[in-house]
N, C-alpha and C. Protein backbone atom coordinates (compact mmCIF):
# COMPACT_ATOMS: atom_id res chain seq x y z
N MET A 1 8.17 6.65 14.28
CA MET A 1 8.31 5.81 13.11
C MET A 1 9.57 4.98 13.26
N GLY A 2 10.68 5.41 12.75
CA GLY A 2 11.91 4.62 12.83
C GLY A 2 13.12 5.48 12.55
N ARG A 3 14.29 4.91 12.80
CA ARG A 3 15.53 5.62 12.53
C ARG A 3 16.20 4.99 11.33
N ILE A 4 16.98 5.77 10.60
CA ILE A 4 17.73 5.26 9.46
C ILE A 4 19.20 5.21 9.85
N ASP A 5 19.81 4.04 9.73
CA ASP A 5 21.23 3.87 10.05
C ASP A 5 22.10 4.52 9.00
N SER A 6 23.39 4.51 9.27
CA SER A 6 24.34 5.01 8.28
C SER A 6 24.40 4.09 7.07
N VAL A 7 23.99 2.82 7.25
CA VAL A 7 23.97 1.86 6.15
C VAL A 7 22.76 2.08 5.26
N GLY A 8 21.69 2.66 5.81
CA GLY A 8 20.48 2.90 5.04
C GLY A 8 19.32 2.02 5.44
N THR A 9 19.52 1.15 6.44
CA THR A 9 18.42 0.31 6.88
C THR A 9 17.58 1.06 7.91
N ILE A 10 16.34 0.66 8.04
CA ILE A 10 15.41 1.32 8.97
C ILE A 10 15.32 0.48 10.23
N GLN A 11 15.57 1.10 11.37
CA GLN A 11 15.35 0.45 12.65
C GLN A 11 14.00 0.91 13.17
N LEU A 12 13.12 -0.02 13.41
CA LEU A 12 11.78 0.32 13.85
C LEU A 12 11.77 0.55 15.35
N THR A 13 11.28 1.71 15.75
CA THR A 13 11.20 2.03 17.17
C THR A 13 9.75 2.31 17.52
N GLY A 14 9.37 1.97 18.71
CA GLY A 14 8.00 2.22 19.16
C GLY A 14 7.05 1.17 18.64
N GLY A 15 5.76 1.41 18.82
CA GLY A 15 4.76 0.43 18.42
C GLY A 15 4.08 0.73 17.10
N ASN A 16 4.52 1.77 16.40
CA ASN A 16 3.85 2.16 15.16
C ASN A 16 4.60 1.62 13.95
N TRP A 17 4.92 0.34 13.94
CA TRP A 17 5.70 -0.23 12.85
C TRP A 17 4.88 -0.43 11.59
N ARG A 18 3.55 -0.49 11.71
CA ARG A 18 2.72 -0.75 10.54
C ARG A 18 2.70 0.39 9.55
N SER A 19 2.84 1.63 10.02
CA SER A 19 2.77 2.77 9.13
C SER A 19 3.94 2.80 8.16
N VAL A 20 5.05 2.17 8.51
CA VAL A 20 6.21 2.13 7.62
C VAL A 20 5.90 1.30 6.39
N PHE A 21 5.16 0.21 6.57
CA PHE A 21 4.92 -0.71 5.47
C PHE A 21 3.67 -0.40 4.67
N THR A 22 2.76 0.41 5.16
CA THR A 22 1.51 0.68 4.45
C THR A 22 1.51 2.03 3.76
N ARG A 23 2.63 2.71 3.74
CA ARG A 23 2.66 4.05 3.18
C ARG A 23 2.57 4.03 1.65
N PHE A 24 3.18 3.07 1.02
CA PHE A 24 3.28 3.06 -0.44
C PHE A 24 2.26 2.12 -1.05
N MET A 25 1.92 2.38 -2.29
CA MET A 25 1.01 1.50 -2.99
C MET A 25 1.74 0.87 -4.18
N LYS A 26 1.27 -0.28 -4.60
CA LYS A 26 1.86 -0.97 -5.73
C LYS A 26 1.29 -0.40 -7.02
N VAL A 27 2.11 -0.36 -8.04
CA VAL A 27 1.66 0.02 -9.37
C VAL A 27 1.62 -1.25 -10.19
N VAL A 28 0.42 -1.63 -10.62
CA VAL A 28 0.22 -2.89 -11.34
C VAL A 28 -0.35 -2.61 -12.72
N SER A 29 -0.12 -3.54 -13.63
CA SER A 29 -0.65 -3.37 -14.97
C SER A 29 -2.07 -3.89 -15.08
N SER A 30 -2.46 -4.79 -14.17
CA SER A 30 -3.79 -5.38 -14.21
C SER A 30 -4.50 -5.15 -12.88
N ILE A 31 -5.56 -4.37 -12.91
CA ILE A 31 -6.35 -4.11 -11.70
C ILE A 31 -7.20 -5.33 -11.35
N LYS A 32 -7.53 -6.13 -12.35
CA LYS A 32 -8.38 -7.30 -12.11
C LYS A 32 -7.75 -8.26 -11.10
N SER A 33 -6.45 -8.48 -11.21
CA SER A 33 -5.79 -9.37 -10.27
C SER A 33 -5.60 -8.70 -8.91
N ALA A 34 -5.46 -7.37 -8.89
CA ALA A 34 -5.26 -6.66 -7.62
C ALA A 34 -6.53 -6.62 -6.78
N LYS A 35 -7.69 -6.59 -7.41
CA LYS A 35 -8.93 -6.52 -6.63
C LYS A 35 -9.33 -7.87 -6.06
N LYS A 36 -8.72 -8.94 -6.52
CA LYS A 36 -9.04 -10.27 -6.00
C LYS A 36 -8.17 -10.68 -4.82
N ARG A 37 -7.27 -9.82 -4.38
CA ARG A 37 -6.35 -10.17 -3.30
C ARG A 37 -7.03 -10.28 -1.95
N HIS A 38 -8.07 -9.49 -1.74
CA HIS A 38 -8.74 -9.44 -0.43
C HIS A 38 -10.22 -9.15 -0.67
N PRO A 39 -11.11 -9.71 0.13
CA PRO A 39 -12.55 -9.48 -0.10
C PRO A 39 -12.98 -8.02 0.08
N ALA A 40 -12.23 -7.23 0.83
CA ALA A 40 -12.63 -5.85 1.09
C ALA A 40 -12.06 -4.85 0.08
N CYS A 41 -11.40 -5.32 -0.96
CA CYS A 41 -10.82 -4.42 -1.97
C CYS A 41 -11.92 -3.77 -2.80
N GLN A 42 -11.77 -2.49 -3.07
CA GLN A 42 -12.73 -1.75 -3.88
C GLN A 42 -11.97 -1.06 -5.01
N VAL A 43 -12.56 -1.01 -6.19
CA VAL A 43 -11.97 -0.32 -7.34
C VAL A 43 -12.64 1.05 -7.45
N VAL A 44 -11.82 2.10 -7.45
CA VAL A 44 -12.33 3.47 -7.57
C VAL A 44 -11.54 4.19 -8.65
N ARG A 45 -12.17 5.22 -9.20
CA ARG A 45 -11.50 6.04 -10.21
C ARG A 45 -11.41 7.46 -9.68
N ARG A 46 -10.17 7.95 -9.61
CA ARG A 46 -9.92 9.30 -9.11
C ARG A 46 -8.94 10.01 -10.03
N LYS A 47 -9.34 11.18 -10.51
CA LYS A 47 -8.50 12.02 -11.36
C LYS A 47 -7.96 11.27 -12.58
N GLY A 48 -8.81 10.42 -13.17
CA GLY A 48 -8.43 9.71 -14.38
C GLY A 48 -7.59 8.47 -14.16
N LYS A 49 -7.27 8.13 -12.94
CA LYS A 49 -6.50 6.93 -12.64
C LYS A 49 -7.39 5.94 -11.90
N ILE A 50 -7.10 4.66 -12.06
CA ILE A 50 -7.89 3.62 -11.42
C ILE A 50 -7.09 3.08 -10.23
N TYR A 51 -7.73 3.07 -9.07
CA TYR A 51 -7.08 2.64 -7.84
C TYR A 51 -7.83 1.47 -7.23
N VAL A 52 -7.11 0.63 -6.50
CA VAL A 52 -7.71 -0.38 -5.64
C VAL A 52 -7.42 0.07 -4.22
N ILE A 53 -8.48 0.26 -3.42
CA ILE A 53 -8.30 0.67 -2.04
C ILE A 53 -8.85 -0.42 -1.14
N ASN A 54 -8.32 -0.46 0.07
CA ASN A 54 -8.78 -1.44 1.04
C ASN A 54 -8.65 -0.80 2.41
N LYS A 55 -9.76 -0.52 3.05
CA LYS A 55 -9.74 0.14 4.35
C LYS A 55 -9.49 -0.84 5.49
N VAL A 56 -9.69 -2.12 5.25
CA VAL A 56 -9.45 -3.13 6.28
C VAL A 56 -7.96 -3.46 6.36
N GLU A 57 -7.32 -3.71 5.23
CA GLU A 57 -5.89 -4.00 5.14
C GLU A 57 -5.25 -3.04 4.13
N PRO A 58 -4.71 -1.92 4.58
CA PRO A 58 -4.18 -0.92 3.65
C PRO A 58 -2.97 -1.39 2.83
N ARG A 59 -2.39 -2.53 3.16
CA ARG A 59 -1.23 -2.99 2.38
C ARG A 59 -1.63 -3.48 0.99
N TYR A 60 -2.91 -3.62 0.71
CA TYR A 60 -3.37 -4.07 -0.60
C TYR A 60 -3.68 -2.91 -1.53
N LYS A 61 -3.23 -1.71 -1.22
CA LYS A 61 -3.49 -0.56 -2.10
C LYS A 61 -2.74 -0.74 -3.42
N ALA A 62 -3.35 -0.32 -4.52
CA ALA A 62 -2.70 -0.43 -5.83
C ALA A 62 -3.22 0.63 -6.76
N ARG A 63 -2.43 0.92 -7.79
CA ARG A 63 -2.81 1.87 -8.82
C ARG A 63 -2.46 1.26 -10.17
N GLN A 64 -3.31 1.47 -11.14
CA GLN A 64 -3.01 0.94 -12.49
C GLN A 64 -2.03 1.86 -13.18
N GLY A 65 -1.01 1.25 -13.79
CA GLY A 65 0.00 2.09 -14.42
C GLY A 65 0.67 1.51 -15.56
């Protein structure tokens, strides 16, 4: 993955730099705008929460909050 400096910045090492940026999902107030970001976005409901998932581009993940 990467190293964390004494300053707190992440130095990316190796070729797996994408996993650093796709780990987190956005919390949005409107799922309607989040599902229009990419054609492959899907709206699913899990455990009472509404999520937008995208298996093609995982950076478009979102949760309604």
